[in-house]
């Protein structure tokens, strides 16, 4: 009989994907933010508070010039912010 329609993945690809899958679906520690607790009685406002924190940071960065305290020079930290666009603007 002939072979199937395509070739299967190499062993290296399979091993890499298995290692990636283990990290991708690891559960985040429920007690990372102790103010929200964990378990069956988790804080219902947790997601809303995270959204509010992001909005506060965005507003502060928009309205003020934020500079590092201490020595002057280039800041080596970098970050990316993903903010939703306002429909009114």
C-alpha atoms as a PDB file:
ATOM      1  CA  UNK A   1       0.000   0.000   0.000  1.00  0.00           C
ATOM      2  CA  UNK A   2       1.034   3.587  -0.535  1.00  0.00           C
ATOM      3  CA  UNK A   3       1.785   6.090   2.152  1.00  0.00           C
ATOM      4  CA  UNK A   4      -0.709   8.587   3.522  1.00  0.00           C
ATOM      5  CA  UNK A   5      -1.379  12.012   2.072  1.00  0.00           C
ATOM      6  CA  UNK A   6       1.456  13.727   3.888  1.00  0.00           C
ATOM      7  CA  UNK A   7       4.430  13.129   6.086  1.00  0.00           C
ATOM      8  CA  UNK A   8       4.148  13.174   9.832  1.00  0.00           C
ATOM      9  CA  UNK A   9       6.076  15.631  11.996  1.00  0.00           C
ATOM     10  CA  UNK A  10       9.666  14.827  12.866  1.00  0.00           C
ATOM     11  CA  UNK A  11      10.513  13.658  16.366  1.00  0.00           C
ATOM     12  CA  UNK A  12      12.192  17.012  17.136  1.00  0.00           C
ATOM     13  CA  UNK A  13       9.021  18.940  16.301  1.00  0.00           C
ATOM     14  CA  UNK A  14       6.886  16.623  18.432  1.00  0.00           C
ATOM     15  CA  UNK A  15       9.199  16.994  21.456  1.00  0.00           C
ATOM     16  CA  UNK A  16       9.260  20.793  21.099  1.00  0.00           C
ATOM     17  CA  UNK A  17       5.464  20.984  20.859  1.00  0.00           C
ATOM     18  CA  UNK A  18       4.986  18.769  23.916  1.00  0.00           C
ATOM     19  CA  UNK A  19       7.297  21.019  25.974  1.00  0.00           C
ATOM     20  CA  UNK A  20       5.453  24.133  24.742  1.00  0.00           C
ATOM     21  CA  UNK A  21       2.030  22.670  25.525  1.00  0.00           C
ATOM     22  CA  UNK A  22       3.017  21.954  29.128  1.00  0.00           C
ATOM     23  CA  UNK A  23       3.980  25.613  29.710  1.00  0.00           C
ATOM     24  CA  UNK A  24       1.081  27.082  27.751  1.00  0.00           C
ATOM     25  CA  UNK A  25      -1.632  25.523  29.868  1.00  0.00           C
ATOM     26  CA  UNK A  26      -0.033  25.822  33.293  1.00  0.00           C
ATOM     27  CA  UNK A  27      -2.483  27.280  35.755  1.00  0.00           C
ATOM     28  CA  UNK A  28      -1.601  30.635  37.259  1.00  0.00           C
ATOM     29  CA  UNK A  29      -1.270  30.583  41.030  1.00  0.00           C
ATOM     30  CA  UNK A  30      -4.639  31.510  42.539  1.00  0.00           C
ATOM     31  CA  UNK A  31      -2.955  33.297  45.429  1.00  0.00           C
ATOM     32  CA  UNK A  32      -0.877  35.638  43.219  1.00  0.00           C
ATOM     33  CA  UNK A  33      -3.079  38.537  44.307  1.00  0.00           C
ATOM     34  CA  UNK A  34      -3.988  37.873  47.959  1.00  0.00           C
ATOM     35  CA  UNK A  35      -6.564  40.665  48.093  1.00  0.00           C
ATOM     36  CA  UNK A  36      -8.846  38.647  45.790  1.00  0.00           C
ATOM     37  CA  UNK A  37      -8.344  35.326  47.600  1.00  0.00           C
ATOM     38  CA  UNK A  38      -8.923  32.071  45.721  1.00  0.00           C
ATOM     39  CA  UNK A  39     -11.098  29.019  45.608  1.00  0.00           C
ATOM     40  CA  UNK A  40     -14.883  28.867  45.396  1.00  0.00           C
ATOM     41  CA  UNK A  41     -15.335  32.250  47.111  1.00  0.00           C
ATOM     42  CA  UNK A  42     -13.146  34.295  44.807  1.00  0.00           C
ATOM     43  CA  UNK A  43     -13.855  38.026  44.559  1.00  0.00           C
ATOM     44  CA  UNK A  44     -16.500  38.723  41.923  1.00  0.00           C
ATOM     45  CA  UNK A  45     -15.065  42.159  41.153  1.00  0.00           C
ATOM     46  CA  UNK A  46     -11.576  40.895  40.322  1.00  0.00           C
ATOM     47  CA  UNK A  47     -11.802  41.345  36.542  1.00  0.00           C
ATOM     48  CA  UNK A  48     -13.413  44.781  36.869  1.00  0.00           C
ATOM     49  CA  UNK A  49     -10.689  45.945  39.237  1.00  0.00           C
ATOM     50  CA  UNK A  50      -7.984  44.842  36.788  1.00  0.00           C
ATOM     51  CA  UNK A  51      -9.659  46.872  34.050  1.00  0.00           C
ATOM     52  CA  UNK A  52      -9.867  49.888  36.347  1.00  0.00           C
ATOM     53  CA  UNK A  53      -6.182  49.593  37.271  1.00  0.00           C
ATOM     54  CA  UNK A  54      -5.226  49.552  33.593  1.00  0.00           C
ATOM     55  CA  UNK A  55      -7.371  52.595  32.927  1.00  0.00           C
ATOM     56  CA  UNK A  56      -5.863  54.548  35.823  1.00  0.00           C
ATOM     57  CA  UNK A  57      -2.334  53.819  34.596  1.00  0.00           C
ATOM     58  CA  UNK A  58      -3.297  54.833  31.055  1.00  0.00           C
ATOM     59  CA  UNK A  59      -4.809  58.126  32.262  1.00  0.00           C
ATOM     60  CA  UNK A  60      -1.757  58.952  34.390  1.00  0.00           C
ATOM     61  CA  UNK A  61       0.572  58.268  31.461  1.00  0.00           C
ATOM     62  CA  UNK A  62      -1.607  60.358  29.162  1.00  0.00           C
ATOM     63  CA  UNK A  63      -1.878  63.394  31.454  1.00  0.00           C
ATOM     64  CA  UNK A  64       1.560  63.541  33.059  1.00  0.00           C
ATOM     65  CA  UNK A  65       5.168  63.192  32.055  1.00  0.00           C
ATOM     66  CA  UNK A  66       6.441  60.219  34.039  1.00  0.00           C
ATOM     67  CA  UNK A  67      10.185  60.120  34.697  1.00  0.00           C
ATOM     68  CA  UNK A  68      12.226  57.705  36.806  1.00  0.00           C
ATOM     69  CA  UNK A  69      13.348  58.950  40.199  1.00  0.00           C
ATOM     70  CA  UNK A  70      17.041  59.060  40.925  1.00  0.00           C
ATOM     71  CA  UNK A  71      19.843  59.258  38.421  1.00  0.00           C
ATOM     72  CA  UNK A  72      19.129  60.779  35.053  1.00  0.00           C
ATOM     73  CA  UNK A  73      19.858  58.799  31.964  1.00  0.00           C
ATOM     74  CA  UNK A  74      18.213  56.365  29.642  1.00  0.00           C
ATOM     75  CA  UNK A  75      15.693  53.988  31.073  1.00  0.00           C
ATOM     76  CA  UNK A  76      16.406  50.483  29.920  1.00  0.00           C
ATOM     77  CA  UNK A  77      12.996  49.105  30.741  1.00  0.00           C
ATOM     78  CA  UNK A  78      10.505  48.657  27.948  1.00  0.00           C
ATOM     79  CA  UNK A  79       6.871  47.739  27.836  1.00  0.00           C
ATOM     80  CA  UNK A  80       3.836  47.515  25.649  1.00  0.00           C
ATOM     81  CA  UNK A  81       0.351  48.693  26.514  1.00  0.00           C
ATOM     82  CA  UNK A  82      -2.767  47.504  24.738  1.00  0.00           C
ATOM     83  CA  UNK A  83      -5.592  49.945  25.327  1.00  0.00           C
ATOM     84  CA  UNK A  84      -9.027  49.985  23.716  1.00  0.00           C
ATOM     85  CA  UNK A  85      -9.933  52.940  21.526  1.00  0.00           C
ATOM     86  CA  UNK A  86     -12.677  55.213  22.762  1.00  0.00           C
ATOM     87  CA  UNK A  87     -15.678  55.454  20.471  1.00  0.00           C
ATOM     88  CA  UNK A  88     -16.344  59.107  21.368  1.00  0.00           C
ATOM     89  CA  UNK A  89     -12.999  60.391  20.104  1.00  0.00           C
END
